[in-house]
Amino acid sequence: MKKTLGILVSALFFFLSIGLYISNRLMYIKKKEEQQILEREVKAGRLNMKNFSSLPKREVKIHSPFGYPLHAFLVEPHDTNRYIIIAHGVTENKFNSVKYMNLFLKRGYNALIYDHRRHGESGGKTTSYGYYEKFDLKAVVDWLKKEKGADLFLGIHGESMGAATMLLYAGMLEDGADFYIADCPFSDFKEQFRYRLKREIKLLPPALFVPLTDLFLRLRDKYSFADIAPISVIQNIQKPVLFIHSEKDDFILPSMTKELYEQKQGSKMLYLAKEGLHAQSFNENSQEYEKAIDQFLQTYAESVAMPT
């Protein structure tokens, strides 16, 4: 009897330890250092600090509904009502968004780039892969519309987690932008987690540890995997969406973007980049990337834009 009880206690301790370990890795994922991101983007020629510093802009702090500030730059070189919000990926910060911002500045848009919760200079204790982030994005959109007026013509560009956050915002909260660009999003975080678990921790069977991790997230951070599945809300998005993914991406598989594209109703476009791994579609295919954006804007978005 004592031996059986000891085995049960040991098994319980093991599962609790694993659940705590994996949920910690998700909630407190290691972020890149700001200086590392800056040096990478400058070295690659995607960020010119002199040019960035000379842009007419202001730093703003937007209040999250969860009580912390979201740090942002509002960049306004143009006298226009056209704006783009850029949502970066997990472990990155707003300086990773500058390359996308520049694409839209060239096309006559003003821009707002910001740090997600627990990233860059924003507050927040955990990363939730779109669950809490979508409410923060709503706060950013609401702030910009209040600041610039009801006639705002707005686009949102998201990369990776930022793209999933954007789709969750549009599909669950409000279809509040005029167009969306989703670059390498996951369609279902539960399936993404299952896939990464197989790749990174081969000794842990997903059938056992996916529900265990889900339970720990429910208990510790008050959301579940089911709450971060853009595929479950994609049909709610009425505005045009451009889906982008690198065909060689082996971190988030391109099949996830294809699934989202197939399920999206109404105006949509799909661009599959030939080169580059995860979140590298622009970096490795810049001319084709820009052509896809121009085609999308001209065909689906700007054709219904309000006059500037």
C-alpha atoms as a PDB file:
ATOM      1  CA  MET A   1       0.000   0.000   0.000  1.00  0.00           C
ATOM      2  CA  LYS A   2       2.788   2.410   0.966  1.00  0.00           C
ATOM      3  CA  LYS A   3       4.656   1.545  -2.213  1.00  0.00           C
ATOM      4  CA  THR A   4       1.567   2.258  -4.358  1.00  0.00           C
ATOM      5  CA  LEU A   5       0.975   5.536  -2.544  1.00  0.00           C
ATOM      6  CA  GLY A   6       4.602   6.490  -3.052  1.00  0.00           C
ATOM      7  CA  ILE A   7       4.337   5.805  -6.767  1.00  0.00           C
ATOM      8  CA  LEU A   8       1.177   7.897  -7.014  1.00  0.00           C
ATOM      9  CA  VAL A   9       2.745  10.788  -5.111  1.00  0.00           C
ATOM     10  CA  SER A  10       5.860  10.616  -7.293  1.00  0.00           C
ATOM     11  CA  ALA A  11       3.757  10.549 -10.472  1.00  0.00           C
ATOM     12  CA  LEU A  12       1.694  13.505  -9.260  1.00  0.00           C
ATOM     13  CA  PHE A  13       4.830  15.456  -8.412  1.00  0.00           C
ATOM     14  CA  PHE A  14       6.279  14.647 -11.842  1.00  0.00           C
ATOM     15  CA  PHE A  15       3.194  15.844 -13.720  1.00  0.00           C
ATOM     16  CA  LEU A  16       2.912  18.982 -11.594  1.00  0.00           C
ATOM     17  CA  SER A  17       6.583  19.754 -12.182  1.00  0.00           C
ATOM     18  CA  ILE A  18       6.262  19.260 -15.945  1.00  0.00           C
ATOM     19  CA  GLY A  19       3.080  21.337 -16.113  1.00  0.00           C
ATOM     20  CA  LEU A  20       4.736  24.136 -14.172  1.00  0.00           C
ATOM     21  CA  TYR A  21       7.885  23.960 -16.305  1.00  0.00           C
ATOM     22  CA  ILE A  22       6.123  24.057 -19.680  1.00  0.00           C
ATOM     23  CA  SER A  23       3.607  26.723 -18.678  1.00  0.00           C
ATOM     24  CA  ASN A  24       6.512  28.825 -17.371  1.00  0.00           C
ATOM     25  CA  ARG A  25       8.252  28.518 -20.722  1.00  0.00           C
ATOM     26  CA  LEU A  26       5.125  29.749 -22.470  1.00  0.00           C
ATOM     27  CA  MET A  27       4.108  32.510 -20.064  1.00  0.00           C
ATOM     28  CA  TYR A  28       7.626  33.830 -19.551  1.00  0.00           C
ATOM     29  CA  ILE A  29       9.179  33.051 -22.923  1.00  0.00           C
ATOM     30  CA  LYS A  30      12.699  34.415 -23.186  1.00  0.00           C
ATOM     31  CA  LYS A  31      12.704  37.672 -25.133  1.00  0.00           C
ATOM     32  CA  LYS A  32      15.401  39.127 -27.339  1.00  0.00           C
ATOM     33  CA  GLU A  33      17.305  42.057 -25.867  1.00  0.00           C
ATOM     34  CA  GLU A  34      16.408  45.463 -27.290  1.00  0.00           C
ATOM     35  CA  GLN A  35      20.018  46.174 -28.223  1.00  0.00           C
ATOM     36  CA  GLN A  36      20.225  42.829 -30.024  1.00  0.00           C
ATOM     37  CA  ILE A  37      17.146  43.696 -32.105  1.00  0.00           C
ATOM     38  CA  LEU A  38      18.446  47.177 -32.883  1.00  0.00           C
ATOM     39  CA  GLU A  39      21.883  45.915 -33.953  1.00  0.00           C
ATOM     40  CA  ARG A  40      20.343  43.167 -36.108  1.00  0.00           C
ATOM     41  CA  GLU A  41      17.984  45.529 -37.919  1.00  0.00           C
ATOM     42  CA  VAL A  42      20.662  48.199 -38.420  1.00  0.00           C
ATOM     43  CA  LYS A  43      23.211  45.682 -39.690  1.00  0.00           C
ATOM     44  CA  ALA A  44      20.669  44.266 -42.158  1.00  0.00           C
ATOM     45  CA  GLY A  45      19.879  47.758 -43.459  1.00  0.00           C
ATOM     46  CA  ARG A  46      16.254  47.578 -42.374  1.00  0.00           C
ATOM     47  CA  LEU A  47      16.629  50.294 -39.731  1.00  0.00           C
ATOM     48  CA  ASN A  48      18.487  53.567 -40.276  1.00  0.00           C
ATOM     49  CA  MET A  49      18.608  55.254 -36.899  1.00  0.00           C
ATOM     50  CA  LYS A  50      19.399  58.668 -38.391  1.00  0.00           C
ATOM     51  CA  ASN A  51      16.356  58.478 -40.664  1.00  0.00           C
ATOM     52  CA  PHE A  52      14.184  57.088 -37.892  1.00  0.00           C
ATOM     53  CA  SER A  53      15.259  59.848 -35.509  1.00  0.00           C
ATOM     54  CA  SER A  54      14.444  62.524 -38.092  1.00  0.00           C
ATOM     55  CA  LEU A  55      10.884  61.314 -38.671  1.00  0.00           C
ATOM     56  CA  PRO A  56       8.121  63.496 -37.222  1.00  0.00           C
ATOM     57  CA  LYS A  57       6.875  61.347 -34.371  1.00  0.00           C
ATOM     58  CA  ARG A  58       6.001  61.262 -30.724  1.00  0.00           C
ATOM     59  CA  GLU A  59       6.226  58.676 -28.015  1.00  0.00           C
ATOM     60  CA  VAL A  60       2.896  57.757 -26.485  1.00  0.00           C
ATOM     61  CA  LYS A  61       1.773  55.499 -23.678  1.00  0.00           C
ATOM     62  CA  ILE A  62      -1.581  53.853 -24.254  1.00  0.00           C
ATOM     63  CA  HIS A  63      -3.479  52.470 -21.289  1.00  0.00           C
ATOM     64  CA  SER A  64      -4.099  48.724 -21.432  1.00  0.00           C
ATOM     65  CA  PRO A  65      -7.431  47.536 -19.985  1.00  0.00           C
ATOM     66  CA  PHE A  66      -5.300  45.355 -17.691  1.00  0.00           C
ATOM     67  CA  GLY A  67      -3.650  48.320 -16.004  1.00  0.00           C
ATOM     68  CA  TYR A  68      -0.218  48.682 -17.605  1.00  0.00           C
ATOM     69  CA  PRO A  69       1.114  51.104 -20.243  1.00  0.00           C
ATOM     70  CA  LEU A  70       1.677  50.126 -23.872  1.00  0.00           C
ATOM     71  CA  HIS A  71       4.655  51.995 -25.267  1.00  0.00           C
ATOM     72  CA  ALA A  72       4.282  53.259 -28.829  1.00  0.00           C
ATOM     73  CA  PHE A  73       5.606  55.627 -31.455  1.00  0.00           C
ATOM     74  CA  LEU A  74       3.097  57.587 -33.516  1.00  0.00           C
ATOM     75  CA  VAL A  75       4.903  58.484 -36.752  1.00  0.00           C
ATOM     76  CA  GLU A  76       3.238  61.163 -38.892  1.00  0.00           C
ATOM     77  CA  PRO A  77       5.201  62.481 -41.873  1.00  0.00           C
ATOM     78  CA  HIS A  78       2.056  62.847 -44.025  1.00  0.00           C
ATOM     79  CA  ASP A  79      -1.009  65.057 -43.904  1.00  0.00           C
ATOM     80  CA  THR A  80      -3.460  62.197 -44.350  1.00  0.00           C
ATOM     81  CA  ASN A  81      -6.172  60.209 -42.635  1.00  0.00           C
ATOM     82  CA  ARG A  82      -4.508  56.909 -43.621  1.00  0.00           C
ATOM     83  CA  TYR A  83      -2.779  55.033 -40.817  1.00  0.00           C
ATOM     84  CA  ILE A  84      -1.205  51.619 -40.322  1.00  0.00           C
ATOM     85  CA  ILE A  85      -0.698  49.870 -36.969  1.00  0.00           C
ATOM     86  CA  ILE A  86       2.116  47.298 -36.831  1.00  0.00           C
ATOM     87  CA  ALA A  87       1.987  44.401 -34.341  1.00  0.00           C
ATOM     88  CA  HIS A  88       5.311  42.579 -33.875  1.00  0.00           C
ATOM     89  CA  GLY A  89       5.957  38.917 -33.157  1.00  0.00           C
ATOM     90  CA  VAL A  90       6.788  37.138 -29.918  1.00  0.00           C
ATOM     91  CA  THR A  91      10.226  37.919 -28.364  1.00  0.00           C
ATOM     92  CA  GLU A  92      10.574  41.010 -30.623  1.00  0.00           C
ATOM     93  CA  ASN A  93       9.712  44.677 -30.030  1.00  0.00           C
ATOM     94  CA  LYS A  94       8.544  47.742 -31.952  1.00  0.00           C
ATOM     95  CA  PHE A  95      11.914  48.220 -33.677  1.00  0.00           C
ATOM     96  CA  ASN A  96      11.300  44.981 -35.556  1.00  0.00           C
ATOM     97  CA  SER A  97       8.202  46.734 -36.941  1.00  0.00           C
ATOM     98  CA  VAL A  98      10.147  49.626 -38.500  1.00  0.00           C
ATOM     99  CA  LYS A  99      10.771  47.779 -41.784  1.00  0.00           C
ATOM    100  CA  TYR A 100       7.037  47.263 -42.264  1.00  0.00           C
ATOM    101  CA  MET A 101       6.310  50.809 -41.151  1.00  0.00           C
ATOM    102  CA  ASN A 102       8.677  52.117 -43.823  1.00  0.00           C
ATOM    103  CA  LEU A 103       6.740  50.234 -46.532  1.00  0.00           C
ATOM    104  CA  PHE A 104       3.624  52.142 -45.613  1.00  0.00           C
ATOM    105  CA  LEU A 105       5.326  55.483 -45.063  1.00  0.00           C
ATOM    106  CA  LYS A 106       6.485  55.204 -48.699  1.00  0.00           C
ATOM    107  CA  ARG A 107       2.874  54.623 -49.701  1.00  0.00           C
ATOM    108  CA  GLY A 108       1.603  57.751 -47.993  1.00  0.00           C
ATOM    109  CA  TYR A 109       0.446  56.282 -44.693  1.00  0.00           C
ATOM    110  CA  ASN A 110       1.239  57.423 -41.183  1.00  0.00           C
ATOM    111  CA  ALA A 111       2.044  54.682 -38.687  1.00  0.00           C
ATOM    112  CA  LEU A 112       1.801  53.538 -35.102  1.00  0.00           C
ATOM    113  CA  ILE A 113       4.254  50.911 -33.874  1.00  0.00           C
ATOM    114  CA  TYR A 114       4.032  49.574 -30.328  1.00  0.00           C
ATOM    115  CA  ASP A 115       5.369  46.987 -27.900  1.00  0.00           C
ATOM    116  CA  HIS A 116       3.136  44.088 -26.913  1.00  0.00           C
ATOM    117  CA  ARG A 117       2.611  43.387 -23.211  1.00  0.00           C
ATOM    118  CA  ARG A 118       5.765  42.084 -21.514  1.00  0.00           C
ATOM    119  CA  HIS A 119       7.822  43.188 -24.533  1.00  0.00           C
ATOM    120  CA  GLY A 120       9.992  46.225 -25.099  1.00  0.00           C
ATOM    121  CA  GLU A 121       8.949  49.116 -22.856  1.00  0.00           C
ATOM    122  CA  SER A 122       5.362  47.983 -22.290  1.00  0.00           C
ATOM    123  CA  GLY A 123       4.091  46.554 -19.014  1.00  0.00           C
ATOM    124  CA  GLY A 124       2.375  43.244 -18.369  1.00  0.00           C
ATOM    125  CA  LYS A 125       3.579  40.128 -16.595  1.00  0.00           C
ATOM    126  CA  THR A 126       2.951  37.293 -19.060  1.00  0.00           C
ATOM    127  CA  THR A 127       2.824  36.534 -22.762  1.00  0.00           C
ATOM    128  CA  SER A 128      -0.491  34.985 -23.845  1.00  0.00           C
ATOM    129  CA  TYR A 129      -0.014  34.567 -27.628  1.00  0.00           C
ATOM    130  CA  GLY A 130      -2.951  36.763 -28.532  1.00  0.00           C
ATOM    131  CA  TYR A 131      -5.437  36.268 -25.711  1.00  0.00           C
ATOM    132  CA  TYR A 132      -4.652  39.383 -23.642  1.00  0.00           C
ATOM    133  CA  GLU A 133      -2.783  40.982 -26.543  1.00  0.00           C
ATOM    134  CA  LYS A 134      -5.964  41.297 -28.612  1.00  0.00           C
ATOM    135  CA  PHE A 135      -7.528  43.494 -25.932  1.00  0.00           C
ATOM    136  CA  ASP A 136      -4.384  45.626 -25.925  1.00  0.00           C
ATOM    137  CA  LEU A 137      -4.625  45.949 -29.709  1.00  0.00           C
ATOM    138  CA  LYS A 138      -8.215  47.111 -29.310  1.00  0.00           C
ATOM    139  CA  ALA A 139      -6.968  49.742 -26.849  1.00  0.00           C
ATOM    140  CA  VAL A 140      -4.398  50.891 -29.416  1.00  0.00           C
ATOM    141  CA  VAL A 141      -7.019  51.095 -32.179  1.00  0.00           C
ATOM    142  CA  ASP A 142      -9.471  52.926 -29.920  1.00  0.00           C
ATOM    143  CA  TRP A 143      -6.803  55.405 -28.827  1.00  0.00           C
ATOM    144  CA  LEU A 144      -5.787  56.156 -32.407  1.00  0.00           C
ATOM    145  CA  LYS A 145      -9.370  56.639 -33.559  1.00  0.00           C
ATOM    146  CA  LYS A 146     -10.083  58.945 -30.634  1.00  0.00           C
ATOM    147  CA  GLU A 147      -6.895  60.868 -31.333  1.00  0.00           C
ATOM    148  CA  LYS A 148      -7.357  61.208 -35.103  1.00  0.00           C
ATOM    149  CA  GLY A 149     -11.108  61.182 -35.600  1.00  0.00           C
ATOM    150  CA  ALA A 150     -13.857  58.959 -36.898  1.00  0.00           C
ATOM    151  CA  ASP A 151     -12.889  59.296 -40.573  1.00  0.00           C
ATOM    152  CA  LEU A 152      -9.637  57.383 -40.064  1.00  0.00           C
ATOM    153  CA  PHE A 153      -8.763  54.900 -42.819  1.00  0.00           C
ATOM    154  CA  LEU A 154      -6.901  52.183 -40.937  1.00  0.00           C
ATOM    155  CA  GLY A 155      -4.885  49.090 -41.723  1.00  0.00           C
ATOM    156  CA  ILE A 156      -3.233  46.651 -39.326  1.00  0.00           C
ATOM    157  CA  HIS A 157      -0.155  44.579 -40.158  1.00  0.00           C
ATOM    158  CA  GLY A 158       0.835  41.727 -37.860  1.00  0.00           C
ATOM    159  CA  GLU A 159       3.782  39.350 -37.891  1.00  0.00           C
ATOM    160  CA  SER A 160       3.620  35.860 -36.310  1.00  0.00           C
ATOM    161  CA  MET A 161       2.044  36.282 -32.854  1.00  0.00           C
ATOM    162  CA  GLY A 162       1.173  39.824 -33.887  1.00  0.00           C
ATOM    163  CA  ALA A 163      -0.714  38.449 -36.890  1.00  0.00           C
ATOM    164  CA  ALA A 164      -2.619  35.962 -34.730  1.00  0.00           C
ATOM    165  CA  THR A 165      -3.390  38.752 -32.251  1.00  0.00           C
ATOM    166  CA  MET A 166      -4.707  40.907 -35.084  1.00  0.00           C
ATOM    167  CA  LEU A 167      -6.970  38.141 -36.408  1.00  0.00           C
ATOM    168  CA  LEU A 168      -8.302  37.430 -32.907  1.00  0.00           C
ATOM    169  CA  TYR A 169      -8.986  41.135 -32.429  1.00  0.00           C
ATOM    170  CA  ALA A 170     -10.823  41.351 -35.747  1.00  0.00           C
ATOM    171  CA  GLY A 171     -12.732  38.091 -35.352  1.00  0.00           C
ATOM    172  CA  MET A 172     -13.584  38.165 -31.643  1.00  0.00           C
ATOM    173  CA  LEU A 173     -13.763  41.803 -30.569  1.00  0.00           C
ATOM    174  CA  GLU A 174     -14.508  44.045 -33.534  1.00  0.00           C
ATOM    175  CA  ASP A 175     -13.708  44.190 -37.214  1.00  0.00           C
ATOM    176  CA  GLY A 176     -12.347  47.644 -36.511  1.00  0.00           C
ATOM    177  CA  ALA A 177      -9.817  48.236 -39.299  1.00  0.00           C
ATOM    178  CA  ASP A 178     -10.356  48.736 -43.018  1.00  0.00           C
ATOM    179  CA  PHE A 179      -7.857  46.031 -43.984  1.00  0.00           C
ATOM    180  CA  TYR A 180      -5.474  43.521 -42.415  1.00  0.00           C
ATOM    181  CA  ILE A 181      -2.145  41.965 -43.393  1.00  0.00           C
ATOM    182  CA  ALA A 182      -1.401  38.696 -41.583  1.00  0.00           C
ATOM    183  CA  ASP A 183       2.230  37.622 -41.996  1.00  0.00           C
ATOM    184  CA  CYS A 184       2.925  34.020 -40.851  1.00  0.00           C
ATOM    185  CA  PRO A 185       0.205  33.608 -38.203  1.00  0.00           C
ATOM    186  CA  PHE A 186      -0.677  30.346 -36.496  1.00  0.00           C
ATOM    187  CA  SER A 187      -4.244  29.203 -37.080  1.00  0.00           C
ATOM    188  CA  ASP A 188      -4.648  27.296 -33.799  1.00  0.00           C
ATOM    189  CA  PHE A 189      -2.218  27.654 -30.909  1.00  0.00           C
ATOM    190  CA  LYS A 190      -3.068  24.220 -29.548  1.00  0.00           C
ATOM    191  CA  GLU A 191      -1.946  22.619 -32.818  1.00  0.00           C
ATOM    192  CA  GLN A 192       1.062  24.920 -32.981  1.00  0.00           C
ATOM    193  CA  PHE A 193       2.059  23.954 -29.453  1.00  0.00           C
ATOM    194  CA  ARG A 194       1.567  20.275 -30.243  1.00  0.00           C
ATOM    195  CA  TYR A 195       3.809  20.639 -33.306  1.00  0.00           C
ATOM    196  CA  ARG A 196       6.539  22.508 -31.407  1.00  0.00           C
ATOM    197  CA  LEU A 197       6.394  20.008 -28.529  1.00  0.00           C
ATOM    198  CA  LYS A 198       7.106  17.184 -30.960  1.00  0.00           C
ATOM    199  CA  ARG A 199      10.026  19.130 -32.443  1.00  0.00           C
ATOM    200  CA  GLU A 200      11.612  20.530 -29.296  1.00  0.00           C
ATOM    201  CA  ILE A 201      10.846  18.132 -26.418  1.00  0.00           C
ATOM    202  CA  LYS A 202      10.561  14.751 -28.091  1.00  0.00           C
ATOM    203  CA  LEU A 203      10.332  12.784 -24.831  1.00  0.00           C
ATOM    204  CA  LEU A 204       7.008  14.363 -23.852  1.00  0.00           C
ATOM    205  CA  PRO A 205       4.004  12.795 -25.629  1.00  0.00           C
ATOM    206  CA  PRO A 206       1.698  15.613 -26.844  1.00  0.00           C
ATOM    207  CA  ALA A 207      -1.444  13.589 -26.161  1.00  0.00           C
ATOM    208  CA  LEU A 208      -0.624  13.769 -22.457  1.00  0.00           C
ATOM    209  CA  PHE A 209       1.184  17.064 -22.040  1.00  0.00           C
ATOM    210  CA  VAL A 210      -0.904  19.346 -24.283  1.00  0.00           C
ATOM    211  CA  PRO A 211      -4.001  19.021 -22.033  1.00  0.00           C
ATOM    212  CA  LEU A 212      -1.783  19.236 -18.952  1.00  0.00           C
ATOM    213  CA  THR A 213      -0.271  22.513 -20.151  1.00  0.00           C
ATOM    214  CA  ASP A 214      -3.715  23.789 -21.095  1.00  0.00           C
ATOM    215  CA  LEU A 215      -4.895  23.076 -17.547  1.00  0.00           C
ATOM    216  CA  PHE A 216      -1.961  24.976 -16.060  1.00  0.00           C
ATOM    217  CA  LEU A 217      -2.594  27.971 -18.321  1.00  0.00           C
ATOM    218  CA  ARG A 218      -6.243  28.009 -17.255  1.00  0.00           C
ATOM    219  CA  LEU A 219      -5.262  27.963 -13.598  1.00  0.00           C
ATOM    220  CA  ARG A 220      -2.320  30.345 -13.780  1.00  0.00           C
ATOM    221  CA  ASP A 221      -3.172  32.856 -16.527  1.00  0.00           C
ATOM    222  CA  LYS A 222      -6.957  32.421 -16.931  1.00  0.00           C
ATOM    223  CA  TYR A 223      -7.158  31.418 -20.601  1.00  0.00           C
ATOM    224  CA  SER A 224      -7.004  28.194 -22.576  1.00  0.00           C
ATOM    225  CA  PHE A 225      -5.641  27.050 -25.917  1.00  0.00           C
ATOM    226  CA  ALA A 226      -9.171  27.252 -27.310  1.00  0.00           C
ATOM    227  CA  ASP A 227      -9.093  31.014 -26.722  1.00  0.00           C
ATOM    228  CA  ILE A 228      -6.140  31.533 -29.071  1.00  0.00           C
ATOM    229  CA  ALA A 229      -7.360  29.889 -32.267  1.00  0.00           C
ATOM    230  CA  PRO A 230      -7.785  32.448 -35.084  1.00  0.00           C
ATOM    231  CA  ILE A 231      -9.276  29.729 -37.293  1.00  0.00           C
ATOM    232  CA  SER A 232     -12.318  29.625 -34.994  1.00  0.00           C
ATOM    233  CA  VAL A 233     -13.152  33.295 -35.645  1.00  0.00           C
ATOM    234  CA  ILE A 234     -11.761  33.952 -39.129  1.00  0.00           C
ATOM    235  CA  GLN A 235     -15.219  33.803 -40.735  1.00  0.00           C
ATOM    236  CA  ASN A 236     -16.283  36.784 -38.622  1.00  0.00           C
ATOM    237  CA  ILE A 237     -13.826  39.091 -40.401  1.00  0.00           C
ATOM    238  CA  GLN A 238     -15.597  41.001 -43.148  1.00  0.00           C
ATOM    239  CA  LYS A 239     -12.801  43.386 -44.160  1.00  0.00           C
ATOM    240  CA  PRO A 240     -10.072  42.413 -46.672  1.00  0.00           C
ATOM    241  CA  VAL A 241      -7.157  40.291 -45.449  1.00  0.00           C
ATOM    242  CA  LEU A 242      -3.801  39.693 -47.136  1.00  0.00           C
ATOM    243  CA  PHE A 243      -2.266  36.427 -45.888  1.00  0.00           C
ATOM    244  CA  ILE A 244       1.511  36.027 -46.192  1.00  0.00           C
ATOM    245  CA  HIS A 245       3.739  33.061 -45.383  1.00  0.00           C
ATOM    246  CA  SER A 246       7.134  31.696 -46.429  1.00  0.00           C
ATOM    247  CA  GLU A 247       6.855  28.299 -48.097  1.00  0.00           C
ATOM    248  CA  LYS A 248      10.004  27.154 -46.255  1.00  0.00           C
ATOM    249  CA  ASP A 249       8.791  28.186 -42.788  1.00  0.00           C
ATOM    250  CA  ASP A 250       9.278  25.234 -40.449  1.00  0.00           C
ATOM    251  CA  PHE A 251       8.425  27.034 -37.200  1.00  0.00           C
ATOM    252  CA  ILE A 252       4.813  27.884 -38.027  1.00  0.00           C
ATOM    253  CA  LEU A 253       3.891  25.782 -41.032  1.00  0.00           C
ATOM    254  CA  PRO A 254       2.506  27.560 -44.115  1.00  0.00           C
ATOM    255  CA  SER A 255      -0.413  25.136 -44.082  1.00  0.00           C
ATOM    256  CA  MET A 256      -1.798  27.166 -41.163  1.00  0.00           C
ATOM    257  CA  THR A 257      -1.983  30.319 -43.265  1.00  0.00           C
ATOM    258  CA  LYS A 258      -3.456  28.376 -46.173  1.00  0.00           C
ATOM    259  CA  GLU A 259      -6.167  27.079 -43.845  1.00  0.00           C
ATOM    260  CA  LEU A 260      -6.953  30.594 -42.642  1.00  0.00           C
ATOM    261  CA  TYR A 261      -7.093  31.855 -46.223  1.00  0.00           C
ATOM    262  CA  GLU A 262      -9.473  29.091 -47.257  1.00  0.00           C
ATOM    263  CA  GLN A 263     -11.823  29.763 -44.328  1.00  0.00           C
ATOM    264  CA  LYS A 264     -11.868  33.553 -44.723  1.00  0.00           C
ATOM    265  CA  GLN A 265     -15.015  34.780 -46.464  1.00  0.00           C
ATOM    266  CA  GLY A 266     -15.090  37.773 -48.793  1.00  0.00           C
ATOM    267  CA  SER A 267     -12.130  39.851 -49.965  1.00  0.00           C
ATOM    268  CA  LYS A 268      -8.807  38.129 -49.436  1.00  0.00           C
ATOM    269  CA  MET A 269      -5.448  37.477 -51.044  1.00  0.00           C
ATOM    270  CA  LEU A 270      -2.651  34.960 -50.447  1.00  0.00           C
ATOM    271  CA  TYR A 271       1.074  35.532 -51.029  1.00  0.00           C
ATOM    272  CA  LEU A 272       3.436  32.597 -50.452  1.00  0.00           C
ATOM    273  CA  ALA A 273       7.069  33.711 -50.442  1.00  0.00           C
ATOM    274  CA  LYS A 274       9.575  31.410 -52.102  1.00  0.00           C
ATOM    275  CA  GLU A 275      12.505  32.109 -49.788  1.00  0.00           C
ATOM    276  CA  GLY A 276      13.054  32.516 -46.063  1.00  0.00           C
ATOM    277  CA  LEU A 277      12.169  30.731 -42.859  1.00  0.00           C
ATOM    278  CA  HIS A 278       9.805  31.988 -40.164  1.00  0.00           C
ATOM    279  CA  ALA A 279       9.003  35.721 -40.312  1.00  0.00           C
ATOM    280  CA  GLN A 280      11.513  36.164 -43.120  1.00  0.00           C
ATOM    281  CA  SER A 281       9.144  36.684 -46.053  1.00  0.00           C
ATOM    282  CA  PHE A 282       9.938  40.379 -46.332  1.00  0.00           C
ATOM    283  CA  ASN A 283      13.616  40.041 -45.469  1.00  0.00           C
ATOM    284  CA  GLU A 284      14.226  37.438 -48.187  1.00  0.00           C
ATOM    285  CA  ASN A 285      11.665  38.521 -50.806  1.00  0.00           C
ATOM    286  CA  SER A 286      11.376  42.282 -50.380  1.00  0.00           C
ATOM    287  CA  GLN A 287      10.408  43.202 -53.963  1.00  0.00           C
ATOM    288  CA  GLU A 288       7.789  40.457 -54.259  1.00  0.00           C
ATOM    289  CA  TYR A 289       6.496  41.335 -50.776  1.00  0.00           C
ATOM    290  CA  GLU A 290       5.987  44.954 -51.765  1.00  0.00           C
ATOM    291  CA  LYS A 291       4.305  43.946 -55.021  1.00  0.00           C
ATOM    292  CA  ALA A 292       1.871  41.755 -53.081  1.00  0.00           C
ATOM    293  CA  ILE A 293       1.035  44.633 -50.754  1.00  0.00           C
ATOM    294  CA  ASP A 294       0.484  47.008 -53.681  1.00  0.00           C
ATOM    295  CA  GLN A 295      -1.728  44.539 -55.485  1.00  0.00           C
ATOM    296  CA  PHE A 296      -3.740  43.922 -52.323  1.00  0.00           C
ATOM    297  CA  LEU A 297      -4.174  47.610 -51.527  1.00  0.00           C
ATOM    298  CA  GLN A 298      -5.130  48.523 -55.075  1.00  0.00           C
ATOM    299  CA  THR A 299      -7.530  45.617 -55.496  1.00  0.00           C
ATOM    300  CA  TYR A 300      -9.204  45.249 -52.130  1.00  0.00           C
ATOM    301  CA  ALA A 301      -8.375  48.044 -49.707  1.00  0.00           C
ATOM    302  CA  GLU A 302      -7.730  51.450 -51.177  1.00  0.00           C
ATOM    303  CA  SER A 303     -10.498  51.088 -53.721  1.00  0.00           C
ATOM    304  CA  VAL A 304     -12.874  51.761 -50.842  1.00  0.00           C
ATOM    305  CA  ALA A 305     -10.660  54.247 -48.987  1.00  0.00           C
ATOM    306  CA  MET A 306     -12.015  57.577 -47.942  1.00  0.00           C
ATOM    307  CA  PRO A 307     -10.369  60.522 -49.710  1.00  0.00           C
ATOM    308  CA  THR A 308      -7.371  62.009 -47.916  1.00  0.00           C
END
